[in-house]
Every structure is written in C-alpha cells, then in structure tokens.
Amino acid sequence: MGKVQSTLKRDATLEAMNVDDLGRMVMALVQEVWVMRDRMAITEKLLEAQGGPSAAAIEGFVQDAETRAELERLRDLYVQRVLGAPLAARERTVDDILARGGFPRAVPTG
C-alpha cells in the first residue's frame, strides 16, 4: 500500500519553535500559576480569619473602569513574561530582564 498523506496543515509556529524555548515558556507559566495559587490560598485564609468578604461576594464583584484597566495592564505583563521566556534565555543583561518584566532600571544612589 502507498503512503497516506495528511490533508491537515501543520502548525508552523510549533515547527519553528525550539523545544528548549517551549520548555522555558511552560516553566514560566508554571511559576506564574503557582505564585497565583499560593497568594490566593493565603488571601483566602486571611479573609476567613478576619471575617472578610464571602466567596459569593467575590464572584459577584463588578469591576469599574479603573480596576478593569489595571487588570488588563497586569494581564499584558503576565503574557509578556510567559511568552517572552525564550527571549530571557538569550537576553541576559539587567536592563533587558527588567524591561521584559515591565520594571524600570534601578539607578544606584550614593
């Protein structure tokens, strides 16, 4: 029998991506998710201990424009960190790392 050819197009993004780069992105995502889960668990404990808002109140919260804008800014930084992980392996100057994380360069005083 002859070889059967697939009619599906391969994802060019994954073909071109280095496996190490993909691994870096996954690890950056794992780190970010763990930090969020850790902080969420601590926040829930503190809220419970201090009689804070209930889960239903949190679920029902309606964001104002300022909160929505801040969350969008934080989301953009998050995506930049995760998808920029492969670049982190190649760009290793302090300025590059700080800029990628959305932080200004610290100017030494003294």
PDB file of N, CA and C in Angstrom:
ATOM      1  N   MET A   1       0.837  -1.183   0.000  1.00  0.00           N
ATOM      2  CA  MET A   1       0.000   0.000   0.000  1.00  0.00           C
ATOM      3  C   MET A   1       0.878   1.241   0.000  1.00  0.00           C
ATOM      4  N   GLY A   2       0.354   2.302  -0.589  1.00  0.00           N
ATOM      5  CA  GLY A   2       1.100   3.548  -0.654  1.00  0.00           C
ATOM      6  C   GLY A   2       0.975   4.342   0.636  1.00  0.00           C
ATOM      7  N   LYS A   3       1.819   5.342   0.757  1.00  0.00           N
ATOM      8  CA  LYS A   3       1.831   6.214   1.939  1.00  0.00           C
ATOM      9  C   LYS A   3       0.644   7.178   1.866  1.00  0.00           C
ATOM     10  N   VAL A   4      -0.089   7.320   2.977  1.00  0.00           N
ATOM     11  CA  VAL A   4      -1.229   8.224   3.036  1.00  0.00           C
ATOM     12  C   VAL A   4      -0.739   9.585   3.495  1.00  0.00           C
ATOM     13  N   GLN A   5      -1.085  10.617   2.740  1.00  0.00           N
ATOM     14  CA  GLN A   5      -0.687  11.972   3.114  1.00  0.00           C
ATOM     15  C   GLN A   5      -1.813  12.644   3.880  1.00  0.00           C
ATOM     16  N   SER A   6      -1.437  13.390   4.907  1.00  0.00           N
ATOM     17  CA  SER A   6      -2.412  14.130   5.692  1.00  0.00           C
ATOM     18  C   SER A   6      -2.838  15.371   4.930  1.00  0.00           C
ATOM     19  N   THR A   7      -4.118  15.688   5.011  1.00  0.00           N
ATOM     20  CA  THR A   7      -4.607  16.915   4.396  1.00  0.00           C
ATOM     21  C   THR A   7      -4.579  18.080   5.379  1.00  0.00           C
ATOM     22  N   LEU A   8      -4.201  17.794   6.633  1.00  0.00           N
ATOM     23  CA  LEU A   8      -4.127  18.844   7.646  1.00  0.00           C
ATOM     24  C   LEU A   8      -2.809  19.595   7.529  1.00  0.00           C
ATOM     25  N   LYS A   9      -2.873  20.904   7.661  1.00  0.00           N
ATOM     26  CA  LYS A   9      -1.650  21.706   7.657  1.00  0.00           C
ATOM     27  C   LYS A   9      -1.025  21.647   9.035  1.00  0.00           C
ATOM     28  N   ARG A  10       0.293  21.555   9.081  1.00  0.00           N
ATOM     29  CA  ARG A  10       0.998  21.558  10.366  1.00  0.00           C
ATOM     30  C   ARG A  10       1.089  22.982  10.887  1.00  0.00           C
ATOM     31  N   ASP A  11       1.133  23.120  12.193  1.00  0.00           N
ATOM     32  CA  ASP A  11       1.247  24.431  12.821  1.00  0.00           C
ATOM     33  C   ASP A  11       2.674  24.930  12.655  1.00  0.00           C
ATOM     34  N   ALA A  12       2.854  25.947  11.828  1.00  0.00           N
ATOM     35  CA  ALA A  12       4.193  26.470  11.545  1.00  0.00           C
ATOM     36  C   ALA A  12       4.838  27.057  12.790  1.00  0.00           C
ATOM     37  N   THR A  13       4.030  27.566  13.705  1.00  0.00           N
ATOM     38  CA  THR A  13       4.583  28.148  14.924  1.00  0.00           C
ATOM     39  C   THR A  13       5.338  27.094  15.715  1.00  0.00           C
ATOM     40  N   LEU A  14       4.734  25.935  15.912  1.00  0.00           N
ATOM     41  CA  LEU A  14       5.383  24.885  16.685  1.00  0.00           C
ATOM     42  C   LEU A  14       6.544  24.269  15.927  1.00  0.00           C
ATOM     43  N   GLU A  15       6.446  24.196  14.603  1.00  0.00           N
ATOM     44  CA  GLU A  15       7.561  23.660  13.828  1.00  0.00           C
ATOM     45  C   GLU A  15       8.799  24.525  13.994  1.00  0.00           C
ATOM     46  N   ALA A  16       8.592  25.829  13.977  1.00  0.00           N
ATOM     47  CA  ALA A  16       9.726  26.747  14.037  1.00  0.00           C
ATOM     48  C   ALA A  16      10.251  26.920  15.456  1.00  0.00           C
ATOM     49  N   MET A  17       9.448  26.583  16.449  1.00  0.00           N
ATOM     50  CA  MET A  17       9.837  26.838  17.831  1.00  0.00           C
ATOM     51  C   MET A  17      10.828  25.786  18.322  1.00  0.00           C
ATOM     52  N   ASN A  18      11.826  26.240  18.967  1.00  0.00           N
ATOM     53  CA  ASN A  18      12.807  25.367  19.591  1.00  0.00           C
ATOM     54  C   ASN A  18      12.174  24.689  20.802  1.00  0.00           C
ATOM     55  N   VAL A  19      12.441  23.413  20.984  1.00  0.00           N
ATOM     56  CA  VAL A  19      11.879  22.683  22.119  1.00  0.00           C
ATOM     57  C   VAL A  19      12.307  23.307  23.441  1.00  0.00           C
ATOM     58  N   ASP A  20      13.545  23.789  23.524  1.00  0.00           N
ATOM     59  CA  ASP A  20      14.005  24.459  24.743  1.00  0.00           C
ATOM     60  C   ASP A  20      13.172  25.711  25.016  1.00  0.00           C
ATOM     61  N   ASP A  21      12.849  26.461  23.959  1.00  0.00           N
ATOM     62  CA  ASP A  21      12.024  27.660  24.120  1.00  0.00           C
ATOM     63  C   ASP A  21      10.645  27.299  24.644  1.00  0.00           C
ATOM     64  N   LEU A  22      10.062  26.246  24.106  1.00  0.00           N
ATOM     65  CA  LEU A  22       8.756  25.805  24.569  1.00  0.00           C
ATOM     66  C   LEU A  22       8.823  25.384  26.037  1.00  0.00           C
ATOM     67  N   GLY A  23       9.888  24.691  26.409  1.00  0.00           N
ATOM     68  CA  GLY A  23      10.074  24.291  27.805  1.00  0.00           C
ATOM     69  C   GLY A  23      10.189  25.490  28.726  1.00  0.00           C
ATOM     70  N   ARG A  24      10.914  26.504  28.301  1.00  0.00           N
ATOM     71  CA  ARG A  24      11.057  27.728  29.102  1.00  0.00           C
ATOM     72  C   ARG A  24       9.703  28.408  29.294  1.00  0.00           C
ATOM     73  N   MET A  25       8.910  28.439  28.219  1.00  0.00           N
ATOM     74  CA  MET A  25       7.593  29.059  28.315  1.00  0.00           C
ATOM     75  C   MET A  25       6.702  28.289  29.285  1.00  0.00           C
ATOM     76  N   VAL A  26       6.739  26.967  29.212  1.00  0.00           N
ATOM     77  CA  VAL A  26       5.926  26.155  30.113  1.00  0.00           C
ATOM     78  C   VAL A  26       6.360  26.378  31.557  1.00  0.00           C
ATOM     79  N   MET A  27       7.659  26.392  31.812  1.00  0.00           N
ATOM     80  CA  MET A  27       8.148  26.591  33.177  1.00  0.00           C
ATOM     81  C   MET A  27       7.794  27.987  33.694  1.00  0.00           C
ATOM     82  N   ALA A  28       7.869  29.003  32.837  1.00  0.00           N
ATOM     83  CA  ALA A  28       7.471  30.354  33.247  1.00  0.00           C
ATOM     84  C   ALA A  28       5.987  30.375  33.598  1.00  0.00           C
ATOM     85  N   LEU A  29       5.181  29.673  32.816  1.00  0.00           N
ATOM     86  CA  LEU A  29       3.753  29.603  33.102  1.00  0.00           C
ATOM     87  C   LEU A  29       3.485  28.865  34.408  1.00  0.00           C
ATOM     88  N   VAL A  30       4.185  27.769  34.629  1.00  0.00           N
ATOM     89  CA  VAL A  30       4.034  27.016  35.884  1.00  0.00           C
ATOM     90  C   VAL A  30       4.390  27.902  37.077  1.00  0.00           C
ATOM     91  N   GLN A  31       5.469  28.664  36.976  1.00  0.00           N
ATOM     92  CA  GLN A  31       5.864  29.559  38.067  1.00  0.00           C
ATOM     93  C   GLN A  31       4.777  30.592  38.341  1.00  0.00           C
ATOM     94  N   GLU A  32       4.250  31.195  37.281  1.00  0.00           N
ATOM     95  CA  GLU A  32       3.217  32.212  37.449  1.00  0.00           C
ATOM     96  C   GLU A  32       1.964  31.626  38.088  1.00  0.00           C
ATOM     97  N   VAL A  33       1.550  30.451  37.632  1.00  0.00           N
ATOM     98  CA  VAL A  33       0.349  29.822  38.187  1.00  0.00           C
ATOM     99  C   VAL A  33       0.565  29.487  39.664  1.00  0.00           C
ATOM    100  N   TRP A  34       1.749  28.966  40.005  1.00  0.00           N
ATOM    101  CA  TRP A  34       1.992  28.630  41.406  1.00  0.00           C
ATOM    102  C   TRP A  34       1.944  29.875  42.290  1.00  0.00           C
ATOM    103  N   VAL A  35       2.548  30.954  41.839  1.00  0.00           N
ATOM    104  CA  VAL A  35       2.524  32.192  42.629  1.00  0.00           C
ATOM    105  C   VAL A  35       1.082  32.630  42.855  1.00  0.00           C
ATOM    106  N   MET A  36       0.258  32.547  41.824  1.00  0.00           N
ATOM    107  CA  MET A  36      -1.148  32.944  41.979  1.00  0.00           C
ATOM    108  C   MET A  36      -1.881  32.019  42.944  1.00  0.00           C
ATOM    109  N   ARG A  37      -1.658  30.733  42.845  1.00  0.00           N
ATOM    110  CA  ARG A  37      -2.339  29.790  43.740  1.00  0.00           C
ATOM    111  C   ARG A  37      -1.886  29.996  45.185  1.00  0.00           C
ATOM    112  N   ASP A  38      -0.602  30.223  45.368  1.00  0.00           N
ATOM    113  CA  ASP A  38      -0.056  30.455  46.697  1.00  0.00           C
ATOM    114  C   ASP A  38      -0.664  31.714  47.315  1.00  0.00           C
ATOM    115  N   ARG A  39      -0.655  32.787  46.565  1.00  0.00           N
ATOM    116  CA  ARG A  39      -1.207  34.044  47.063  1.00  0.00           C
ATOM    117  C   ARG A  39      -2.710  33.932  47.309  1.00  0.00           C
ATOM    118  N   MET A  40      -3.414  33.210  46.451  1.00  0.00           N
ATOM    119  CA  MET A  40      -4.854  33.035  46.620  1.00  0.00           C
ATOM    120  C   MET A  40      -5.150  32.259  47.911  1.00  0.00           C
ATOM    121  N   ALA A  41      -4.393  31.214  48.170  1.00  0.00           N
ATOM    122  CA  ALA A  41      -4.604  30.421  49.389  1.00  0.00           C
ATOM    123  C   ALA A  41      -4.367  31.267  50.640  1.00  0.00           C
ATOM    124  N   ILE A  42      -3.320  32.063  50.626  1.00  0.00           N
ATOM    125  CA  ILE A  42      -3.025  32.938  51.765  1.00  0.00           C
ATOM    126  C   ILE A  42      -4.125  33.987  51.924  1.00  0.00           C
ATOM    127  N   THR A  43      -4.554  34.573  50.826  1.00  0.00           N
ATOM    128  CA  THR A  43      -5.614  35.584  50.869  1.00  0.00           C
ATOM    129  C   THR A  43      -6.906  34.996  51.432  1.00  0.00           C
ATOM    130  N   GLU A  44      -7.255  33.795  50.981  1.00  0.00           N
ATOM    131  CA  GLU A  44      -8.474  33.156  51.483  1.00  0.00           C
ATOM    132  C   GLU A  44      -8.383  32.890  52.983  1.00  0.00           C
ATOM    133  N   LYS A  45      -7.220  32.453  53.455  1.00  0.00           N
ATOM    134  CA  LYS A  45      -7.034  32.222  54.899  1.00  0.00           C
ATOM    135  C   LYS A  45      -7.184  33.528  55.676  1.00  0.00           C
ATOM    136  N   LEU A  46      -6.550  34.587  55.189  1.00  0.00           N
ATOM    137  CA  LEU A  46      -6.636  35.887  55.863  1.00  0.00           C
ATOM    138  C   LEU A  46      -8.065  36.410  55.869  1.00  0.00           C
ATOM    139  N   LEU A  47      -8.757  36.286  54.759  1.00  0.00           N
ATOM    140  CA  LEU A  47     -10.142  36.747  54.698  1.00  0.00           C
ATOM    141  C   LEU A  47     -11.021  35.967  55.669  1.00  0.00           C
ATOM    142  N   GLU A  48     -10.839  34.659  55.692  1.00  0.00           N
ATOM    143  CA  GLU A  48     -11.625  33.818  56.598  1.00  0.00           C
ATOM    144  C   GLU A  48     -11.365  34.194  58.055  1.00  0.00           C
ATOM    145  N   ALA A  49     -10.101  34.390  58.382  1.00  0.00           N
ATOM    146  CA  ALA A  49      -9.733  34.714  59.764  1.00  0.00           C
ATOM    147  C   ALA A  49     -10.239  36.087  60.188  1.00  0.00           C
ATOM    148  N   GLN A  50     -10.362  37.011  59.238  1.00  0.00           N
ATOM    149  CA  GLN A  50     -10.756  38.380  59.575  1.00  0.00           C
ATOM    150  C   GLN A  50     -12.215  38.687  59.233  1.00  0.00           C
ATOM    151  N   GLY A  51     -12.972  37.656  58.878  1.00  0.00           N
ATOM    152  CA  GLY A  51     -14.380  37.880  58.561  1.00  0.00           C
ATOM    153  C   GLY A  51     -14.588  38.702  57.307  1.00  0.00           C
ATOM    154  N   GLY A  52     -13.728  38.517  56.335  1.00  0.00           N
ATOM    155  CA  GLY A  52     -13.793  39.285  55.087  1.00  0.00           C
ATOM    156  C   GLY A  52     -14.927  38.846  54.180  1.00  0.00           C
ATOM    157  N   PRO A  53     -14.900  39.332  52.949  1.00  0.00           N
ATOM    158  CA  PRO A  53     -15.985  39.028  52.005  1.00  0.00           C
ATOM    159  C   PRO A  53     -16.084  37.532  51.705  1.00  0.00           C
ATOM    160  N   SER A  54     -17.304  37.112  51.430  1.00  0.00           N
ATOM    161  CA  SER A  54     -17.556  35.704  51.125  1.00  0.00           C
ATOM    162  C   SER A  54     -17.166  35.394  49.680  1.00  0.00           C
ATOM    163  N   ALA A  55     -17.104  34.116  49.385  1.00  0.00           N
ATOM    164  CA  ALA A  55     -16.819  33.694  48.013  1.00  0.00           C
ATOM    165  C   ALA A  55     -17.894  34.222  47.062  1.00  0.00           C
ATOM    166  N   ALA A  56     -19.145  34.237  47.510  1.00  0.00           N
ATOM    167  CA  ALA A  56     -20.239  34.742  46.676  1.00  0.00           C
ATOM    168  C   ALA A  56     -20.058  36.239  46.375  1.00  0.00           C
ATOM    169  N   ALA A  57     -19.606  36.997  47.370  1.00  0.00           N
ATOM    170  CA  ALA A  57     -19.369  38.430  47.155  1.00  0.00           C
ATOM    171  C   ALA A  57     -18.236  38.646  46.158  1.00  0.00           C
ATOM    172  N   ILE A  58     -17.222  37.828  46.265  1.00  0.00           N
ATOM    173  CA  ILE A  58     -16.093  37.934  45.327  1.00  0.00           C
ATOM    174  C   ILE A  58     -16.544  37.572  43.914  1.00  0.00           C
ATOM    175  N   GLU A  59     -17.310  36.479  43.786  1.00  0.00           N
ATOM    176  CA  GLU A  59     -17.822  36.060  42.477  1.00  0.00           C
ATOM    177  C   GLU A  59     -18.722  37.123  41.856  1.00  0.00           C
ATOM    178  N   GLY A  60     -19.485  37.822  42.682  1.00  0.00           N
ATOM    179  CA  GLY A  60     -20.433  38.811  42.193  1.00  0.00           C
ATOM    180  C   GLY A  60     -19.863  40.203  41.983  1.00  0.00           C
ATOM    181  N   PHE A  61     -18.571  40.387  42.257  1.00  0.00           N
ATOM    182  CA  PHE A  61     -17.934  41.697  42.146  1.00  0.00           C
ATOM    183  C   PHE A  61     -17.985  42.207  40.709  1.00  0.00           C
ATOM    184  N   VAL A  62     -18.400  43.456  40.531  1.00  0.00           N
ATOM    185  CA  VAL A  62     -18.439  44.089  39.213  1.00  0.00           C
ATOM    186  C   VAL A  62     -17.303  45.113  39.152  1.00  0.00           C
ATOM    187  N   GLN A  63     -16.439  44.935  38.185  1.00  0.00           N
ATOM    188  CA  GLN A  63     -15.267  45.810  38.057  1.00  0.00           C
ATOM    189  C   GLN A  63     -15.648  47.172  37.504  1.00  0.00           C
ATOM    190  N   ASP A  64     -15.020  48.220  38.073  1.00  0.00           N
ATOM    191  CA  ASP A  64     -15.167  49.543  37.485  1.00  0.00           C
ATOM    192  C   ASP A  64     -14.098  49.704  36.402  1.00  0.00           C
ATOM    193  N   ALA A  65     -14.144  50.819  35.689  1.00  0.00           N
ATOM    194  CA  ALA A  65     -13.225  51.032  34.563  1.00  0.00           C
ATOM    195  C   ALA A  65     -11.760  51.042  35.013  1.00  0.00           C
ATOM    196  N   GLU A  66     -11.486  51.639  36.168  1.00  0.00           N
ATOM    197  CA  GLU A  66     -10.109  51.709  36.671  1.00  0.00           C
ATOM    198  C   GLU A  66      -9.574  50.312  37.003  1.00  0.00           C
ATOM    199  N   THR A  67     -10.388  49.509  37.665  1.00  0.00           N
ATOM    200  CA  THR A  67      -9.983  48.141  38.010  1.00  0.00           C
ATOM    201  C   THR A  67      -9.765  47.322  36.753  1.00  0.00           C
ATOM    202  N   ARG A  68     -10.678  47.450  35.792  1.00  0.00           N
ATOM    203  CA  ARG A  68     -10.561  46.721  34.532  1.00  0.00           C
ATOM    204  C   ARG A  68      -9.267  47.094  33.806  1.00  0.00           C
ATOM    205  N   ALA A  69      -8.945  48.385  33.775  1.00  0.00           N
ATOM    206  CA  ALA A  69      -7.718  48.848  33.112  1.00  0.00           C
ATOM    207  C   ALA A  69      -6.471  48.294  33.807  1.00  0.00           C
ATOM    208  N   GLU A  70      -6.477  48.280  35.136  1.00  0.00           N
ATOM    209  CA  GLU A  70      -5.334  47.743  35.887  1.00  0.00           C
ATOM    210  C   GLU A  70      -5.177  46.252  35.641  1.00  0.00           C
ATOM    211  N   LEU A  71      -6.275  45.515  35.611  1.00  0.00           N
ATOM    212  CA  LEU A  71      -6.202  44.079  35.345  1.00  0.00           C
ATOM    213  C   LEU A  71      -5.694  43.803  33.926  1.00  0.00           C
ATOM    214  N   GLU A  72      -6.090  44.625  32.976  1.00  0.00           N
ATOM    215  CA  GLU A  72      -5.589  44.471  31.606  1.00  0.00           C
ATOM    216  C   GLU A  72      -4.088  44.725  31.548  1.00  0.00           C
ATOM    217  N   ARG A  73      -3.609  45.737  32.294  1.00  0.00           N
ATOM    218  CA  ARG A  73      -2.172  46.025  32.341  1.00  0.00           C
ATOM    219  C   ARG A  73      -1.422  44.833  32.939  1.00  0.00           C
ATOM    220  N   LEU A  74      -1.939  44.295  34.034  1.00  0.00           N
ATOM    221  CA  LEU A  74      -1.301  43.137  34.674  1.00  0.00           C
ATOM    222  C   LEU A  74      -1.332  41.913  33.764  1.00  0.00           C
ATOM    223  N   ARG A  75      -2.440  41.725  33.062  1.00  0.00           N
ATOM    224  CA  ARG A  75      -2.532  40.613  32.106  1.00  0.00           C
ATOM    225  C   ARG A  75      -1.472  40.742  31.019  1.00  0.00           C
ATOM    226  N   ASP A  76      -1.291  41.947  30.491  1.00  0.00           N
ATOM    227  CA  ASP A  76      -0.298  42.161  29.437  1.00  0.00           C
ATOM    228  C   ASP A  76       1.112  41.849  29.929  1.00  0.00           C
ATOM    229  N   LEU A  77       1.428  42.246  31.167  1.00  0.00           N
ATOM    230  CA  LEU A  77       2.739  41.920  31.736  1.00  0.00           C
ATOM    231  C   LEU A  77       2.905  40.417  31.895  1.00  0.00           C
ATOM    232  N   TYR A  78       1.855  39.759  32.331  1.00  0.00           N
ATOM    233  CA  TYR A  78       1.868  38.305  32.509  1.00  0.00           C
ATOM    234  C   TYR A  78       2.140  37.598  31.182  1.00  0.00           C
ATOM    235  N   VAL A  79       1.419  37.991  30.152  1.00  0.00           N
ATOM    236  CA  VAL A  79       1.611  37.384  28.835  1.00  0.00           C
ATOM    237  C   VAL A  79       3.023  37.655  28.334  1.00  0.00           C
ATOM    238  N   GLN A  80       3.514  38.852  28.567  1.00  0.00           N
ATOM    239  CA  GLN A  80       4.876  39.201  28.134  1.00  0.00           C
ATOM    240  C   GLN A  80       5.907  38.318  28.829  1.00  0.00           C
ATOM    241  N   ARG A  81       5.720  38.069  30.133  1.00  0.00           N
ATOM    242  CA  ARG A  81       6.658  37.222  30.866  1.00  0.00           C
ATOM    243  C   ARG A  81       6.623  35.782  30.364  1.00  0.00           C
ATOM    244  N   VAL A  82       5.423  35.256  30.181  1.00  0.00           N
ATOM    245  CA  VAL A  82       5.284  33.852  29.776  1.00  0.00           C
ATOM    246  C   VAL A  82       5.762  33.655  28.337  1.00  0.00           C
ATOM    247  N   LEU A  83       5.243  34.440  27.425  1.00  0.00           N
ATOM    248  CA  LEU A  83       5.621  34.265  26.022  1.00  0.00           C
ATOM    249  C   LEU A  83       7.021  34.784  25.739  1.00  0.00           C
ATOM    250  N   GLY A  84       7.537  35.620  26.617  1.00  0.00           N
ATOM    251  CA  GLY A  84       8.891  36.131  26.447  1.00  0.00           C
ATOM    252  C   GLY A  84       9.953  35.249  27.075  1.00  0.00           C
ATOM    253  N   ALA A  85       9.562  34.140  27.680  1.00  0.00           N
ATOM    254  CA  ALA A  85      10.517  33.260  28.351  1.00  0.00           C
ATOM    255  C   ALA A  85      11.652  32.803  27.435  1.00  0.00           C
ATOM    256  N   PRO A  86      11.380  32.453  26.179  1.00  0.00           N
ATOM    257  CA  PRO A  86      12.503  32.062  25.313  1.00  0.00           C
ATOM    258  C   PRO A  86      13.513  33.191  25.118  1.00  0.00           C
ATOM    259  N   LEU A  87      13.021  34.432  25.088  1.00  0.00           N
ATOM    260  CA  LEU A  87      13.940  35.562  24.947  1.00  0.00           C
ATOM    261  C   LEU A  87      14.816  35.719  26.180  1.00  0.00           C
ATOM    262  N   ALA A  88      14.273  35.364  27.340  1.00  0.00           N
ATOM    263  CA  ALA A  88      15.025  35.505  28.587  1.00  0.00           C
ATOM    264  C   ALA A  88      16.296  34.675  28.558  1.00  0.00           C
ATOM    265  N   ALA A  89      16.269  33.588  27.831  1.00  0.00           N
ATOM    266  CA  ALA A  89      17.448  32.735  27.744  1.00  0.00           C
ATOM    267  C   ALA A  89      18.533  33.362  26.869  1.00  0.00           C
ATOM    268  N   ARG A  90      18.121  34.268  25.992  1.00  0.00           N
ATOM    269  CA  ARG A  90      19.090  34.885  25.081  1.00  0.00           C
ATOM    270  C   ARG A  90      19.469  36.303  25.504  1.00  0.00           C
ATOM    271  N   GLU A  91      18.558  37.004  26.145  1.00  0.00           N
ATOM    272  CA  GLU A  91      18.814  38.377  26.574  1.00  0.00           C
ATOM    273  C   GLU A  91      19.082  38.358  28.066  1.00  0.00           C
ATOM    274  N   ARG A  92      20.309  38.511  28.447  1.00  0.00           N
ATOM    275  CA  ARG A  92      20.657  38.324  29.852  1.00  0.00           C
ATOM    276  C   ARG A  92      21.192  39.580  30.542  1.00  0.00           C
ATOM    277  N   THR A  93      21.074  40.739  29.915  1.00  0.00           N
ATOM    278  CA  THR A  93      21.523  41.939  30.612  1.00  0.00           C
ATOM    279  C   THR A  93      20.457  42.351  31.617  1.00  0.00           C
ATOM    280  N   VAL A  94      20.862  43.050  32.651  1.00  0.00           N
ATOM    281  CA  VAL A  94      19.931  43.509  33.676  1.00  0.00           C
ATOM    282  C   VAL A  94      18.853  44.387  33.047  1.00  0.00           C
ATOM    283  N   ASP A  95      19.258  45.295  32.163  1.00  0.00           N
ATOM    284  CA  ASP A  95      18.291  46.182  31.523  1.00  0.00           C
ATOM    285  C   ASP A  95      17.254  45.394  30.732  1.00  0.00           C
ATOM    286  N   ASP A  96      17.685  44.381  29.982  1.00  0.00           N
ATOM    287  CA  ASP A  96      16.763  43.557  29.200  1.00  0.00           C
ATOM    288  C   ASP A  96      15.788  42.813  30.105  1.00  0.00           C
ATOM    289  N   ILE A  97      16.292  42.230  31.163  1.00  0.00           N
ATOM    290  CA  ILE A  97      15.453  41.450  32.074  1.00  0.00           C
ATOM    291  C   ILE A  97      14.429  42.350  32.758  1.00  0.00           C
ATOM    292  N   LEU A  98      14.865  43.511  33.241  1.00  0.00           N
ATOM    293  CA  LEU A  98      13.943  44.441  33.897  1.00  0.00           C
ATOM    294  C   LEU A  98      12.891  44.963  32.925  1.00  0.00           C
ATOM    295  N   ALA A  99      13.320  45.324  31.726  1.00  0.00           N
ATOM    296  CA  ALA A  99      12.380  45.847  30.732  1.00  0.00           C
ATOM    297  C   ALA A  99      11.347  44.788  30.361  1.00  0.00           C
ATOM    298  N   ARG A 100      11.772  43.545  30.196  1.00  0.00           N
ATOM    299  CA  ARG A 100      10.865  42.465  29.845  1.00  0.00           C
ATOM    300  C   ARG A 100       9.826  42.239  30.946  1.00  0.00           C
ATOM    301  N   GLY A 101      10.218  42.440  32.191  1.00  0.00           N
ATOM    302  CA  GLY A 101       9.297  42.275  33.303  1.00  0.00           C
ATOM    303  C   GLY A 101       8.446  43.503  33.585  1.00  0.00           C
ATOM    304  N   GLY A 102       8.683  44.586  32.829  1.00  0.00           N
ATOM    305  CA  GLY A 102       7.898  45.794  32.998  1.00  0.00           C
ATOM    306  C   GLY A 102       8.379  46.691  34.117  1.00  0.00           C
ATOM    307  N   PHE A 103       9.649  46.506  34.526  1.00  0.00           N
ATOM    308  CA  PHE A 103      10.190  47.289  35.623  1.00  0.00           C
ATOM    309  C   PHE A 103      11.218  48.288  35.114  1.00  0.00           C
ATOM    310  N   PRO A 104      11.258  49.483  35.728  1.00  0.00           N
ATOM    311  CA  PRO A 104      12.275  50.453  35.324  1.00  0.00           C
ATOM    312  C   PRO A 104      13.641  50.029  35.836  1.00  0.00           C
ATOM    313  N   ARG A 105      14.678  50.483  35.191  1.00  0.00           N
ATOM    314  CA  ARG A 105      16.048  50.198  35.599  1.00  0.00           C
ATOM    315  C   ARG A 105      16.320  50.930  36.904  1.00  0.00           C
ATOM    316  N   ALA A 106      16.787  50.210  37.907  1.00  0.00           N
ATOM    317  CA  ALA A 106      17.120  50.824  39.197  1.00  0.00           C
ATOM    318  C   ALA A 106      18.399  51.638  39.032  1.00  0.00           C
ATOM    319  N   VAL A 107      18.349  52.891  39.441  1.00  0.00           N
ATOM    320  CA  VAL A 107      19.513  53.761  39.357  1.00  0.00           C
ATOM    321  C   VAL A 107      20.200  53.766  40.728  1.00  0.00           C
ATOM    322  N   PRO A 108      21.475  53.362  40.765  1.00  0.00           N
ATOM    323  CA  PRO A 108      22.180  53.335  42.053  1.00  0.00           C
ATOM    324  C   PRO A 108      22.299  54.740  42.645  1.00  0.00           C
ATOM    325  N   THR A 109      22.166  54.832  43.947  1.00  0.00           N
ATOM    326  CA  THR A 109      22.331  56.112  44.629  1.00  0.00           C
ATOM    327  C   THR A 109      23.595  56.050  45.464  1.00  0.00           C
ATOM    328  N   GLY A 110      24.159  57.185  45.694  1.00  0.00           N
ATOM    329  CA  GLY A 110      25.301  57.144  46.585  1.00  0.00           C
ATOM    330  C   GLY A 110      26.352  57.992  46.143  1.00  0.00           C
TER     331      GLY A 110
END
